[in-house]
Protein backbone atom coordinates (compact mmCIF):
# COMPACT_ATOMS: atom_id res chain seq x y z
CA UNK A 1 96.49 93.20 89.68
CA UNK A 2 97.79 89.82 90.45
CA UNK A 3 97.55 89.94 93.93
CA UNK A 4 93.58 91.38 93.99
CA UNK A 5 93.25 88.09 91.61
CA UNK A 6 94.84 85.73 94.37
CA UNK A 7 92.83 87.40 97.10
CA UNK A 8 89.35 86.75 95.32
CA UNK A 9 90.42 83.46 94.46
CA UNK A 10 88.90 80.33 95.83
CA UNK A 11 92.27 79.05 97.31
CA UNK A 12 92.99 81.90 99.22
CA UNK A 13 89.21 81.58 100.72
CA UNK A 14 89.99 78.15 101.56
CA UNK A 15 93.15 79.46 103.14
CA UNK A 16 90.89 82.04 105.24
CA UNK A 17 88.55 79.60 105.89
CA UNK A 18 91.08 77.07 107.19
CA UNK A 19 92.46 79.97 109.50
CA UNK A 20 89.49 81.49 110.96
CA UNK A 21 87.82 78.14 111.48
CA UNK A 22 90.68 77.01 113.90
CA UNK A 23 91.80 80.50 115.48
CA UNK A 24 88.37 82.06 116.29
CA UNK A 25 86.83 79.40 118.27
CA UNK A 26 90.24 78.43 120.15
CA UNK A 27 90.50 82.33 120.65
CA UNK A 28 87.01 82.65 122.02
CA UNK A 29 87.69 79.64 124.42
CA UNK A 30 90.96 80.72 125.90
CA UNK A 31 89.52 84.13 126.45
CA UNK A 32 86.49 82.61 128.36
CA UNK A 33 89.15 80.46 130.04
CA UNK A 34 91.08 83.58 131.19
CA UNK A 35 88.26 85.75 132.32
CA UNK A 36 86.72 82.66 133.86
CA UNK A 37 90.24 82.79 136.29
CA UNK A 38 90.03 86.09 136.50
CA UNK A 39 86.44 86.18 137.86
CA UNK A 40 87.03 83.25 140.29
CA UNK A 41 89.95 85.05 141.66
CA UNK A 42 87.57 88.23 142.17
CA UNK A 43 84.64 86.95 143.40
CA UNK A 44 85.40 83.23 144.60
CA UNK A 45 88.12 83.85 146.97
CA UNK A 46 87.27 81.02 149.20
CA UNK A 47 87.04 78.38 146.60
CA UNK A 48 90.50 79.79 144.95
CA UNK A 49 91.80 79.38 148.42
CA UNK A 50 90.98 75.79 148.89
CA UNK A 51 94.07 73.92 149.82
CA UNK A 52 94.81 70.91 147.35
CA UNK A 53 97.77 69.77 148.46
CA UNK A 54 100.14 71.59 151.22
CA UNK A 55 100.39 75.16 150.39
CA UNK A 56 99.25 74.41 146.91
CA UNK A 57 95.49 76.10 146.33
CA UNK A 58 93.20 76.02 143.71
CA UNK A 59 94.43 79.59 142.72
CA UNK A 60 97.72 78.19 141.87
CA UNK A 61 96.53 75.26 140.05
CA UNK A 62 94.59 77.17 137.89
CA UNK A 63 97.25 79.92 137.17
CA UNK A 64 99.71 77.48 136.20
CA UNK A 65 97.04 75.90 133.65
CA UNK A 66 96.79 79.36 132.25
CA UNK A 67 100.45 78.85 131.29
CA UNK A 68 100.12 75.45 130.39
CA UNK A 69 97.02 76.21 128.11
CA UNK A 70 98.93 79.14 126.30
CA UNK A 71 102.02 76.84 125.57
CA UNK A 72 99.57 74.22 124.48
CA UNK A 73 97.66 76.20 122.12
CA UNK A 74 100.71 77.83 120.50
CA UNK A 75 102.18 74.30 119.91
CA UNK A 76 98.54 73.01 118.56
CA UNK A 77 98.41 76.01 116.43
CA UNK A 78 102.12 75.50 115.05
CA UNK A 79 100.80 72.17 114.02
CA UNK A 80 97.75 73.14 112.55
CA UNK A 81 99.69 75.87 110.43
CA UNK A 82 102.54 73.65 109.18
CA UNK A 83 99.72 70.78 108.20
CA UNK A 84 96.89 72.87 106.60
CA UNK A 85 97.98 76.84 106.34
CA UNK A 86 101.28 76.50 105.22
CA UNK A 87 100.96 74.33 102.11
CA UNK A 88 97.93 76.62 100.93
CA UNK A 89 99.96 79.53 101.46
CA UNK A 90 102.97 78.23 99.55
CA UNK A 91 100.75 77.18 96.53
CA UNK A 92 99.50 80.81 96.36
CA UNK A 93 102.77 82.31 96.94
CA UNK A 94 104.07 80.05 94.31
CA UNK A 95 101.51 80.97 91.70
CA UNK A 96 101.86 84.78 92.36
CA UNK A 97 105.73 84.39 91.75
CA UNK A 98 104.93 82.40 88.64
CA UNK A 99 103.22 85.29 87.26
CA UNK A 100 105.86 87.98 88.24
């Protein structure tokens, strides 16, 4: 019963909102960026093959940017979780453990 009350609490709703308002837009942006890369690779071979520096072309730079953006998003999310989500989750957990 305590878990249901916690789930229905305003505190839990704030936690869900803090998570969703960060994760959903970022997920949509990353998936869009990923599909743009795939579509460019499939249909814009001339553009992707454009040499930028020596044998480094646009496709290589954008491919490396995919990895970089993945790690940046993970780092950014961990900072967001530590600053905004963890304190709210810890407060809910402490309240639930106090009722046990």
